[in-house]
Amino acid sequence: MSLNCIGLTKAYGDKVVLDGFTHAFPEGRVSCVLGRSGCGKTTLLRLIAGLESPDAGRVEGLPADGLSMVFQEDRLPPQLSAAGCLRCVLRKSADREARIAEALGALGIDPASDQPVREFSGGMRRRVALARALVVPAKLVLLDEPFKGLDADTRAAAVAFTHRMLAGRTAVLVTHDEADVTAFDAVALRMG
């Protein structure tokens, strides 16, 4: 079943951000949402995630097992290590530590480090936030500019890891980079 946004409308005071937005995001595919700043891309993700309520319209087809999200801000517990941030979202299982090590290693972060994320660079925090969202086995993943602030080599590794982790999952990826559409063989949706 696809994820369907039907007539979504959202305003902040007098500023209408979304006005009757309707779109079906195909199941098991990555959809890239592109558009100028302020056109409602982040608001759309927040409405899908249930973090905000629409003034009108509805979202249908949300998976029963919930969703996972990368926010524009990293939102990491500052006192935890990178691995600790991932442990917060993963149930204890026989392969939990191996999954954490694989995700962090693929993104160039030492999973054995006990350094708190508050001491990480912005790019390192971004990669931890990305890993945290992708290790959760949710069928729906929302990504709000997940590669912002990453240099070219780090970004390439993050895109490759994300592509692998999103296989078969429904994902909505907000981006300013047209190359993401090609990298993910994504359905492109242009807003604004």
N, C-alpha and C. Protein backbone atom coordinates (compact mmCIF):
# COMPACT_ATOMS: atom_id res chain seq x y z
N MET A 1 0.85 -1.19 0.00
CA MET A 1 0.00 0.00 0.00
C MET A 1 0.88 1.24 0.00
N SER A 2 0.56 2.21 -0.83
CA SER A 2 1.35 3.43 -0.89
C SER A 2 1.01 4.34 0.29
N LEU A 3 1.90 5.27 0.55
CA LEU A 3 1.68 6.32 1.54
C LEU A 3 0.97 7.46 0.83
N ASN A 4 -0.23 7.80 1.27
CA ASN A 4 -1.04 8.79 0.57
C ASN A 4 -1.26 10.03 1.41
N CYS A 5 -0.92 11.18 0.83
CA CYS A 5 -1.24 12.47 1.43
C CYS A 5 -2.41 13.03 0.64
N ILE A 6 -3.48 13.33 1.33
CA ILE A 6 -4.72 13.72 0.66
C ILE A 6 -5.16 15.09 1.17
N GLY A 7 -5.04 16.10 0.31
CA GLY A 7 -5.53 17.44 0.62
C GLY A 7 -4.89 18.10 1.82
N LEU A 8 -3.61 17.80 2.08
CA LEU A 8 -2.96 18.38 3.26
C LEU A 8 -2.83 19.89 3.15
N THR A 9 -3.31 20.56 4.17
CA THR A 9 -3.21 22.01 4.26
C THR A 9 -2.64 22.34 5.63
N LYS A 10 -1.66 23.26 5.64
CA LYS A 10 -1.06 23.68 6.90
C LYS A 10 -0.64 25.13 6.78
N ALA A 11 -1.04 25.93 7.77
CA ALA A 11 -0.65 27.33 7.83
C ALA A 11 -0.07 27.63 9.20
N TYR A 12 0.85 28.56 9.22
CA TYR A 12 1.41 29.10 10.47
C TYR A 12 1.02 30.57 10.49
N GLY A 13 0.00 30.89 11.28
CA GLY A 13 -0.53 32.25 11.25
C GLY A 13 -1.14 32.51 9.88
N ASP A 14 -0.70 33.60 9.25
CA ASP A 14 -1.22 33.97 7.93
C ASP A 14 -0.47 33.29 6.79
N LYS A 15 0.62 32.60 7.10
CA LYS A 15 1.45 31.99 6.04
C LYS A 15 0.98 30.56 5.77
N VAL A 16 0.41 30.34 4.60
CA VAL A 16 -0.01 29.00 4.18
C VAL A 16 1.20 28.30 3.59
N VAL A 17 1.62 27.19 4.20
CA VAL A 17 2.80 26.45 3.76
C VAL A 17 2.41 25.34 2.80
N LEU A 18 1.35 24.63 3.11
CA LEU A 18 0.80 23.60 2.21
C LEU A 18 -0.68 23.92 2.00
N ASP A 19 -1.10 23.81 0.74
CA ASP A 19 -2.48 24.15 0.41
C ASP A 19 -3.08 23.05 -0.45
N GLY A 20 -3.70 22.07 0.21
CA GLY A 20 -4.36 20.98 -0.51
C GLY A 20 -3.39 20.00 -1.15
N PHE A 21 -2.24 19.78 -0.52
CA PHE A 21 -1.21 18.89 -1.08
C PHE A 21 -1.73 17.46 -1.14
N THR A 22 -1.68 16.88 -2.34
CA THR A 22 -2.09 15.49 -2.54
C THR A 22 -1.01 14.78 -3.34
N HIS A 23 -0.58 13.62 -2.82
CA HIS A 23 0.44 12.84 -3.52
C HIS A 23 0.45 11.42 -2.95
N ALA A 24 0.69 10.45 -3.82
CA ALA A 24 0.86 9.05 -3.39
C ALA A 24 2.34 8.70 -3.52
N PHE A 25 2.99 8.37 -2.40
CA PHE A 25 4.38 7.95 -2.39
C PHE A 25 4.40 6.43 -2.56
N PRO A 26 5.01 5.91 -3.62
CA PRO A 26 4.94 4.47 -3.89
C PRO A 26 5.63 3.61 -2.84
N GLU A 27 5.00 2.51 -2.54
CA GLU A 27 5.53 1.57 -1.56
C GLU A 27 6.85 0.97 -2.04
N GLY A 28 7.81 0.87 -1.14
CA GLY A 28 9.09 0.23 -1.43
C GLY A 28 10.03 1.03 -2.30
N ARG A 29 9.75 2.32 -2.48
CA ARG A 29 10.57 3.19 -3.33
C ARG A 29 11.02 4.41 -2.54
N VAL A 30 12.09 5.02 -3.00
CA VAL A 30 12.53 6.30 -2.46
C VAL A 30 11.91 7.39 -3.31
N SER A 31 11.32 8.37 -2.66
CA SER A 31 10.80 9.56 -3.33
C SER A 31 11.60 10.75 -2.84
N CYS A 32 12.16 11.53 -3.76
CA CYS A 32 12.91 12.74 -3.42
C CYS A 32 12.00 13.95 -3.58
N VAL A 33 11.87 14.71 -2.52
CA VAL A 33 11.08 15.93 -2.53
C VAL A 33 12.05 17.10 -2.66
N LEU A 34 11.92 17.84 -3.76
CA LEU A 34 12.81 18.96 -4.06
C LEU A 34 12.02 20.26 -4.09
N GLY A 35 12.68 21.35 -3.78
CA GLY A 35 12.02 22.65 -3.86
C GLY A 35 12.80 23.69 -3.10
N ARG A 36 12.42 24.92 -3.33
CA ARG A 36 13.11 26.04 -2.68
C ARG A 36 12.87 26.01 -1.17
N SER A 37 13.73 26.68 -0.44
CA SER A 37 13.57 26.78 1.01
C SER A 37 12.24 27.47 1.32
N GLY A 38 11.55 26.93 2.31
CA GLY A 38 10.30 27.54 2.75
C GLY A 38 9.06 27.12 1.99
N CYS A 39 9.20 26.13 1.09
CA CYS A 39 8.02 25.73 0.28
C CYS A 39 7.19 24.63 0.95
N GLY A 40 7.60 24.16 2.14
CA GLY A 40 6.78 23.20 2.87
C GLY A 40 7.31 21.79 2.93
N LYS A 41 8.55 21.56 2.50
CA LYS A 41 9.09 20.19 2.48
C LYS A 41 9.20 19.61 3.89
N THR A 42 9.78 20.35 4.81
CA THR A 42 9.91 19.86 6.19
C THR A 42 8.55 19.73 6.85
N THR A 43 7.67 20.68 6.60
CA THR A 43 6.31 20.59 7.16
C THR A 43 5.62 19.33 6.67
N LEU A 44 5.80 18.99 5.40
CA LEU A 44 5.22 17.76 4.87
C LEU A 44 5.70 16.55 5.66
N LEU A 45 7.02 16.45 5.91
CA LEU A 45 7.55 15.32 6.68
C LEU A 45 6.97 15.30 8.09
N ARG A 46 6.87 16.46 8.72
CA ARG A 46 6.34 16.53 10.09
C ARG A 46 4.87 16.11 10.14
N LEU A 47 4.11 16.43 9.09
CA LEU A 47 2.71 16.00 9.04
C LEU A 47 2.62 14.49 8.83
N ILE A 48 3.44 13.95 7.95
CA ILE A 48 3.45 12.50 7.74
C ILE A 48 3.82 11.78 9.03
N ALA A 49 4.81 12.30 9.75
CA ALA A 49 5.28 11.67 10.99
C ALA A 49 4.30 11.84 12.14
N GLY A 50 3.32 12.71 11.99
CA GLY A 50 2.37 12.95 13.08
C GLY A 50 2.90 13.90 14.13
N LEU A 51 3.97 14.61 13.81
CA LEU A 51 4.54 15.57 14.76
C LEU A 51 3.76 16.88 14.76
N GLU A 52 3.00 17.11 13.71
CA GLU A 52 2.10 18.25 13.61
C GLU A 52 0.80 17.74 13.01
N SER A 53 -0.26 18.48 13.27
CA SER A 53 -1.57 18.13 12.72
C SER A 53 -1.89 19.06 11.56
N PRO A 54 -2.44 18.50 10.48
CA PRO A 54 -2.82 19.37 9.36
C PRO A 54 -4.05 20.20 9.73
N ASP A 55 -4.16 21.36 9.10
CA ASP A 55 -5.38 22.16 9.27
C ASP A 55 -6.53 21.51 8.50
N ALA A 56 -6.18 20.80 7.43
CA ALA A 56 -7.16 20.04 6.64
C ALA A 56 -6.40 18.90 5.96
N GLY A 57 -7.13 17.89 5.57
CA GLY A 57 -6.54 16.76 4.87
C GLY A 57 -6.11 15.65 5.82
N ARG A 58 -5.50 14.62 5.22
CA ARG A 58 -5.12 13.46 6.03
C ARG A 58 -3.99 12.69 5.35
N VAL A 59 -3.36 11.82 6.14
CA VAL A 59 -2.32 10.92 5.65
C VAL A 59 -2.84 9.51 5.84
N GLU A 60 -2.77 8.70 4.77
CA GLU A 60 -3.21 7.30 4.84
C GLU A 60 -2.07 6.39 4.43
N GLY A 61 -2.12 5.15 4.92
CA GLY A 61 -1.13 4.16 4.53
C GLY A 61 0.11 4.13 5.41
N LEU A 62 0.03 4.74 6.59
CA LEU A 62 1.17 4.67 7.50
C LEU A 62 1.32 3.24 8.01
N PRO A 63 2.55 2.72 8.05
CA PRO A 63 2.74 1.35 8.50
C PRO A 63 2.43 1.20 9.99
N ALA A 64 1.89 0.06 10.34
CA ALA A 64 1.51 -0.21 11.73
C ALA A 64 2.73 -0.24 12.66
N ASP A 65 3.91 -0.58 12.12
CA ASP A 65 5.10 -0.68 12.97
C ASP A 65 5.80 0.66 13.16
N GLY A 66 5.19 1.75 12.73
CA GLY A 66 5.77 3.07 12.93
C GLY A 66 6.72 3.45 11.82
N LEU A 67 7.49 4.48 12.09
CA LEU A 67 8.42 5.01 11.10
C LEU A 67 9.70 5.46 11.78
N SER A 68 10.67 5.81 10.95
CA SER A 68 11.95 6.31 11.43
C SER A 68 12.21 7.63 10.72
N MET A 69 12.96 8.53 11.37
CA MET A 69 13.13 9.86 10.77
C MET A 69 14.49 10.45 11.07
N VAL A 70 15.06 11.11 10.06
CA VAL A 70 16.22 11.99 10.23
C VAL A 70 15.68 13.41 10.16
N PHE A 71 15.88 14.17 11.22
CA PHE A 71 15.41 15.55 11.29
C PHE A 71 16.46 16.49 10.70
N GLN A 72 16.07 17.73 10.44
CA GLN A 72 17.05 18.73 9.99
C GLN A 72 18.11 18.93 11.06
N GLU A 73 17.69 18.93 12.32
CA GLU A 73 18.63 19.02 13.44
C GLU A 73 18.94 17.58 13.87
N ASP A 74 20.12 17.33 14.37
CA ASP A 74 20.52 15.95 14.64
C ASP A 74 19.80 15.30 15.81
N ARG A 75 19.43 16.06 16.83
CA ARG A 75 18.65 15.56 17.96
C ARG A 75 19.25 14.32 18.61
N LEU A 76 20.51 14.39 18.94
CA LEU A 76 21.20 13.27 19.59
C LEU A 76 21.36 13.57 21.08
N PRO A 77 21.23 12.56 21.95
CA PRO A 77 21.53 12.77 23.37
C PRO A 77 23.02 13.11 23.51
N PRO A 78 23.38 14.34 23.90
CA PRO A 78 24.76 14.80 23.82
C PRO A 78 25.76 14.04 24.68
N GLN A 79 25.30 13.40 25.74
CA GLN A 79 26.20 12.70 26.65
C GLN A 79 26.52 11.28 26.20
N LEU A 80 25.77 10.76 25.22
CA LEU A 80 25.98 9.38 24.78
C LEU A 80 27.06 9.29 23.70
N SER A 81 27.64 8.11 23.60
CA SER A 81 28.56 7.82 22.50
C SER A 81 27.73 7.58 21.23
N ALA A 82 28.40 7.46 20.10
CA ALA A 82 27.70 7.16 18.85
C ALA A 82 26.95 5.83 18.98
N ALA A 83 27.62 4.81 19.49
CA ALA A 83 26.97 3.51 19.66
C ALA A 83 25.81 3.61 20.65
N GLY A 84 25.98 4.40 21.69
CA GLY A 84 24.91 4.59 22.67
C GLY A 84 23.66 5.20 22.05
N CYS A 85 23.85 6.13 21.11
CA CYS A 85 22.71 6.74 20.42
C CYS A 85 21.94 5.70 19.62
N LEU A 86 22.65 4.75 19.02
CA LEU A 86 21.98 3.71 18.25
C LEU A 86 21.32 2.68 19.16
N ARG A 87 21.95 2.39 20.30
CA ARG A 87 21.35 1.44 21.24
C ARG A 87 19.99 1.93 21.72
N CYS A 88 19.82 3.25 21.79
CA CYS A 88 18.55 3.82 22.27
C CYS A 88 17.36 3.44 21.39
N VAL A 89 17.62 3.15 20.12
CA VAL A 89 16.51 2.88 19.20
C VAL A 89 16.41 1.42 18.80
N LEU A 90 17.36 0.61 19.24
CA LEU A 90 17.36 -0.81 18.87
C LEU A 90 17.04 -1.67 20.08
N ARG A 91 16.14 -2.61 19.88
CA ARG A 91 15.87 -3.58 20.94
C ARG A 91 17.09 -4.48 21.12
N LYS A 92 17.24 -5.01 22.32
CA LYS A 92 18.33 -5.95 22.56
C LYS A 92 18.09 -7.19 21.71
N SER A 93 19.12 -7.58 21.00
CA SER A 93 19.04 -8.78 20.18
C SER A 93 20.46 -9.33 20.04
N ALA A 94 20.56 -10.56 19.56
CA ALA A 94 21.86 -11.20 19.41
C ALA A 94 22.77 -10.44 18.45
N ASP A 95 22.17 -9.77 17.47
CA ASP A 95 22.99 -9.09 16.46
C ASP A 95 23.03 -7.57 16.63
N ARG A 96 22.49 -7.04 17.74
CA ARG A 96 22.42 -5.58 17.91
C ARG A 96 23.79 -4.92 17.80
N GLU A 97 24.77 -5.40 18.52
CA GLU A 97 26.10 -4.76 18.51
C GLU A 97 26.77 -4.87 17.14
N ALA A 98 26.54 -5.99 16.45
CA ALA A 98 27.10 -6.14 15.10
C ALA A 98 26.44 -5.15 14.14
N ARG A 99 25.15 -4.95 14.27
CA ARG A 99 24.45 -3.98 13.42
C ARG A 99 24.93 -2.56 13.67
N ILE A 100 25.15 -2.25 14.94
CA ILE A 100 25.66 -0.92 15.30
C ILE A 100 27.06 -0.73 14.72
N ALA A 101 27.92 -1.72 14.88
CA ALA A 101 29.29 -1.63 14.37
C ALA A 101 29.30 -1.49 12.86
N GLU A 102 28.44 -2.24 12.18
CA GLU A 102 28.39 -2.17 10.72
C GLU A 102 27.95 -0.78 10.25
N ALA A 103 26.89 -0.25 10.87
CA ALA A 103 26.36 1.05 10.46
C ALA A 103 27.37 2.16 10.70
N LEU A 104 27.92 2.20 11.89
CA LEU A 104 28.88 3.27 12.20
C LEU A 104 30.15 3.12 11.37
N GLY A 105 30.62 1.89 11.20
CA GLY A 105 31.81 1.65 10.39
C GLY A 105 31.61 2.09 8.95
N ALA A 106 30.44 1.81 8.39
CA ALA A 106 30.15 2.20 7.01
C ALA A 106 30.14 3.71 6.85
N LEU A 107 29.87 4.42 7.93
CA LEU A 107 29.82 5.87 7.89
C LEU A 107 31.10 6.52 8.43
N GLY A 108 32.13 5.70 8.67
CA GLY A 108 33.42 6.23 9.08
C GLY A 108 33.52 6.67 10.52
N ILE A 109 32.72 6.06 11.38
CA ILE A 109 32.75 6.40 12.81
C ILE A 109 33.13 5.15 13.59
N ASP A 110 34.09 5.30 14.49
CA ASP A 110 34.57 4.16 15.29
C ASP A 110 33.48 3.75 16.28
N PRO A 111 32.90 2.57 16.12
CA PRO A 111 31.82 2.16 17.02
C PRO A 111 32.30 1.88 18.44
N ALA A 112 33.59 1.69 18.64
CA ALA A 112 34.12 1.40 19.98
C ALA A 112 34.43 2.67 20.77
N SER A 113 34.39 3.82 20.12
CA SER A 113 34.73 5.07 20.79
C SER A 113 33.69 5.40 21.85
N ASP A 114 34.16 5.83 23.02
CA ASP A 114 33.22 6.25 24.06
C ASP A 114 33.11 7.77 24.14
N GLN A 115 33.65 8.46 23.14
CA GLN A 115 33.57 9.91 23.08
C GLN A 115 32.11 10.34 22.96
N PRO A 116 31.65 11.27 23.80
CA PRO A 116 30.25 11.71 23.70
C PRO A 116 30.03 12.50 22.41
N VAL A 117 28.84 12.36 21.83
CA VAL A 117 28.56 13.01 20.55
C VAL A 117 28.60 14.53 20.65
N ARG A 118 28.48 15.09 21.85
CA ARG A 118 28.57 16.55 21.98
C ARG A 118 29.95 17.06 21.56
N GLU A 119 30.95 16.16 21.57
CA GLU A 119 32.31 16.53 21.18
C GLU A 119 32.58 16.26 19.70
N PHE A 120 31.61 15.71 18.99
CA PHE A 120 31.77 15.41 17.57
C PHE A 120 31.64 16.67 16.72
N SER A 121 32.22 16.62 15.54
CA SER A 121 31.99 17.69 14.56
C SER A 121 30.55 17.59 14.07
N GLY A 122 30.09 18.64 13.39
CA GLY A 122 28.73 18.63 12.85
C GLY A 122 28.51 17.49 11.86
N GLY A 123 29.52 17.23 11.02
CA GLY A 123 29.40 16.14 10.05
C GLY A 123 29.33 14.78 10.70
N MET A 124 30.08 14.60 11.78
CA MET A 124 30.04 13.32 12.50
C MET A 124 28.68 13.13 13.17
N ARG A 125 28.16 14.20 13.79
CA ARG A 125 26.83 14.10 14.41
C ARG A 125 25.78 13.77 13.36
N ARG A 126 25.91 14.37 12.18
CA ARG A 126 24.95 14.11 11.11
C ARG A 126 24.95 12.64 10.73
N ARG A 127 26.14 12.05 10.64
CA ARG A 127 26.24 10.64 10.27
C ARG A 127 25.67 9.74 11.34
N VAL A 128 25.85 10.10 12.62
CA VAL A 128 25.25 9.31 13.71
C VAL A 128 23.73 9.39 13.63
N ALA A 129 23.20 10.58 13.37
CA ALA A 129 21.74 10.74 13.25
C ALA A 129 21.20 9.90 12.09
N LEU A 130 21.94 9.87 10.99
CA LEU A 130 21.54 9.06 9.84
C LEU A 130 21.57 7.58 10.19
N ALA A 131 22.65 7.13 10.82
CA ALA A 131 22.76 5.72 11.21
C ALA A 131 21.63 5.34 12.16
N ARG A 132 21.33 6.21 13.10
CA ARG A 132 20.28 5.93 14.09
C ARG A 132 18.94 5.69 13.39
N ALA A 133 18.62 6.51 12.39
CA ALA A 133 17.35 6.35 11.69
C ALA A 133 17.32 5.11 10.82
N LEU A 134 18.46 4.78 10.22
CA LEU A 134 18.48 3.68 9.25
C LEU A 134 18.58 2.29 9.89
N VAL A 135 19.11 2.19 11.11
CA VAL A 135 19.21 0.86 11.73
C VAL A 135 17.86 0.37 12.25
N VAL A 136 16.93 1.28 12.44
CA VAL A 136 15.58 0.90 12.87
C VAL A 136 14.89 0.21 11.69
N PRO A 137 14.31 -0.96 11.90
CA PRO A 137 13.73 -1.71 10.77
C PRO A 137 12.33 -1.23 10.34
N ALA A 138 12.05 0.05 10.50
CA ALA A 138 10.74 0.59 10.11
C ALA A 138 10.56 0.50 8.59
N LYS A 139 9.33 0.28 8.17
CA LYS A 139 9.04 0.18 6.73
C LYS A 139 8.98 1.55 6.06
N LEU A 140 8.81 2.61 6.86
CA LEU A 140 8.76 3.98 6.34
C LEU A 140 9.88 4.78 6.98
N VAL A 141 10.68 5.44 6.13
CA VAL A 141 11.78 6.26 6.61
C VAL A 141 11.63 7.66 6.00
N LEU A 142 11.67 8.67 6.86
CA LEU A 142 11.59 10.06 6.45
C LEU A 142 12.95 10.70 6.68
N LEU A 143 13.50 11.35 5.65
CA LEU A 143 14.85 11.92 5.73
C LEU A 143 14.82 13.39 5.32
N ASP A 144 15.13 14.26 6.25
CA ASP A 144 15.11 15.70 5.99
C ASP A 144 16.54 16.20 5.80
N GLU A 145 16.94 16.37 4.55
CA GLU A 145 18.29 16.80 4.17
C GLU A 145 19.35 15.98 4.93
N PRO A 146 19.34 14.67 4.76
CA PRO A 146 20.20 13.80 5.56
C PRO A 146 21.70 13.95 5.30
N PHE A 147 22.09 14.54 4.18
CA PHE A 147 23.51 14.61 3.84
C PHE A 147 24.07 16.03 3.96
N LYS A 148 23.30 16.94 4.54
CA LYS A 148 23.76 18.33 4.63
C LYS A 148 25.01 18.41 5.52
N GLY A 149 25.93 19.24 5.10
CA GLY A 149 27.14 19.47 5.88
C GLY A 149 28.22 18.42 5.71
N LEU A 150 28.04 17.46 4.80
CA LEU A 150 29.04 16.42 4.61
C LEU A 150 29.92 16.76 3.41
N ASP A 151 31.24 16.54 3.55
CA ASP A 151 32.13 16.76 2.41
C ASP A 151 31.86 15.69 1.35
N ALA A 152 32.44 15.86 0.17
CA ALA A 152 32.11 15.01 -0.98
C ALA A 152 32.36 13.53 -0.71
N ASP A 153 33.52 13.16 -0.15
CA ASP A 153 33.82 11.74 0.08
C ASP A 153 32.90 11.15 1.15
N THR A 154 32.71 11.89 2.22
CA THR A 154 31.84 11.41 3.30
C THR A 154 30.40 11.28 2.82
N ARG A 155 29.99 12.25 2.00
CA ARG A 155 28.64 12.22 1.45
C ARG A 155 28.45 10.99 0.56
N ALA A 156 29.44 10.69 -0.26
CA ALA A 156 29.35 9.53 -1.15
C ALA A 156 29.18 8.25 -0.33
N ALA A 157 29.94 8.11 0.76
CA ALA A 157 29.82 6.93 1.62
C ALA A 157 28.45 6.89 2.29
N ALA A 158 27.96 8.05 2.73
CA ALA A 158 26.66 8.11 3.39
C ALA A 158 25.53 7.78 2.41
N VAL A 159 25.63 8.26 1.18
CA VAL A 159 24.62 7.96 0.16
C VAL A 159 24.62 6.45 -0.13
N ALA A 160 25.81 5.86 -0.28
CA ALA A 160 25.90 4.42 -0.57
C ALA A 160 25.29 3.59 0.57
N PHE A 161 25.61 3.94 1.80
CA PHE A 161 25.06 3.24 2.97
C PHE A 161 23.54 3.40 3.02
N THR A 162 23.06 4.62 2.81
CA THR A 162 21.63 4.89 2.85
C THR A 162 20.91 4.12 1.75
N HIS A 163 21.47 4.11 0.57
CA HIS A 163 20.87 3.37 -0.56
C HIS A 163 20.70 1.90 -0.19
N ARG A 164 21.74 1.32 0.39
CA ARG A 164 21.69 -0.09 0.79
C ARG A 164 20.64 -0.33 1.88
N MET A 165 20.58 0.56 2.85
CA MET A 165 19.67 0.39 3.98
C MET A 165 18.20 0.64 3.62
N LEU A 166 17.97 1.39 2.55
CA LEU A 166 16.58 1.69 2.16
C LEU A 166 15.99 0.68 1.19
N ALA A 167 16.75 -0.30 0.78
CA ALA A 167 16.27 -1.29 -0.19
C ALA A 167 14.96 -1.92 0.28
N GLY A 168 13.93 -1.79 -0.56
CA GLY A 168 12.63 -2.38 -0.26
C GLY A 168 11.77 -1.60 0.71
N ARG A 169 12.27 -0.48 1.22
CA ARG A 169 11.51 0.32 2.16
C ARG A 169 10.93 1.55 1.45
N THR A 170 9.87 2.09 1.99
CA THR A 170 9.32 3.33 1.48
C THR A 170 10.05 4.47 2.18
N ALA A 171 10.56 5.42 1.39
CA ALA A 171 11.31 6.54 1.97
C ALA A 171 10.91 7.83 1.27
N VAL A 172 10.83 8.89 2.07
CA VAL A 172 10.62 10.24 1.56
C VAL A 172 11.84 11.04 1.98
N LEU A 173 12.60 11.49 0.98
CA LEU A 173 13.88 12.16 1.20
C LEU A 173 13.77 13.60 0.72
N VAL A 174 13.85 14.55 1.64
CA VAL A 174 13.86 15.97 1.30
C VAL A 174 15.30 16.35 0.98
N THR A 175 15.50 16.97 -0.18
CA THR A 175 16.85 17.31 -0.61
C THR A 175 16.84 18.55 -1.50
N HIS A 176 18.00 19.20 -1.56
CA HIS A 176 18.21 20.29 -2.52
C HIS A 176 19.09 19.82 -3.67
N ASP A 177 19.57 18.59 -3.58
CA ASP A 177 20.54 18.08 -4.55
C ASP A 177 19.87 17.16 -5.56
N GLU A 178 19.81 17.61 -6.80
CA GLU A 178 19.19 16.82 -7.88
C GLU A 178 19.88 15.46 -8.05
N ALA A 179 21.17 15.38 -7.69
CA ALA A 179 21.91 14.12 -7.86
C ALA A 179 21.31 13.01 -7.00
N ASP A 180 20.62 13.36 -5.93
CA ASP A 180 20.01 12.33 -5.07
C ASP A 180 18.92 11.56 -5.82
N VAL A 181 18.23 12.22 -6.73
CA VAL A 181 17.19 11.54 -7.51
C VAL A 181 17.81 10.38 -8.29
N THR A 182 18.94 10.65 -8.93
CA THR A 182 19.64 9.63 -9.70
C THR A 182 20.26 8.58 -8.79
N ALA A 183 20.92 9.02 -7.71
CA ALA A 183 21.61 8.09 -6.81
C ALA A 183 20.67 7.06 -6.22
N PHE A 184 19.44 7.45 -5.96
CA PHE A 184 18.47 6.54 -5.35
C PHE A 184 17.46 5.98 -6.33
N ASP A 185 17.65 6.27 -7.63
CA ASP A 185 16.68 5.87 -8.63
C ASP A 185 15.29 6.22 -8.13
N ALA A 186 15.17 7.47 -7.68
CA ALA A 186 14.00 7.90 -6.93
C ALA A 186 12.91 8.50 -7.81
N VAL A 187 11.74 8.50 -7.26
CA VAL A 187 10.62 9.25 -7.83
C VAL A 187 10.83 10.70 -7.40
N ALA A 188 10.84 11.63 -8.32
CA ALA A 188 11.07 13.04 -7.99
C ALA A 188 9.74 13.78 -7.84
N LEU A 189 9.64 14.56 -6.79
CA LEU A 189 8.48 15.39 -6.55
C LEU A 189 8.98 16.81 -6.31
N ARG A 190 8.58 17.73 -7.14
CA ARG A 190 9.03 19.12 -7.00
C ARG A 190 7.91 19.95 -6.38
N MET A 191 8.27 20.65 -5.30
CA MET A 191 7.31 21.50 -4.60
C MET A 191 7.68 22.96 -4.82
N GLY A 192 6.69 23.83 -4.68
CA GLY A 192 6.92 25.26 -4.76
C GLY A 192 7.28 25.67 -6.11
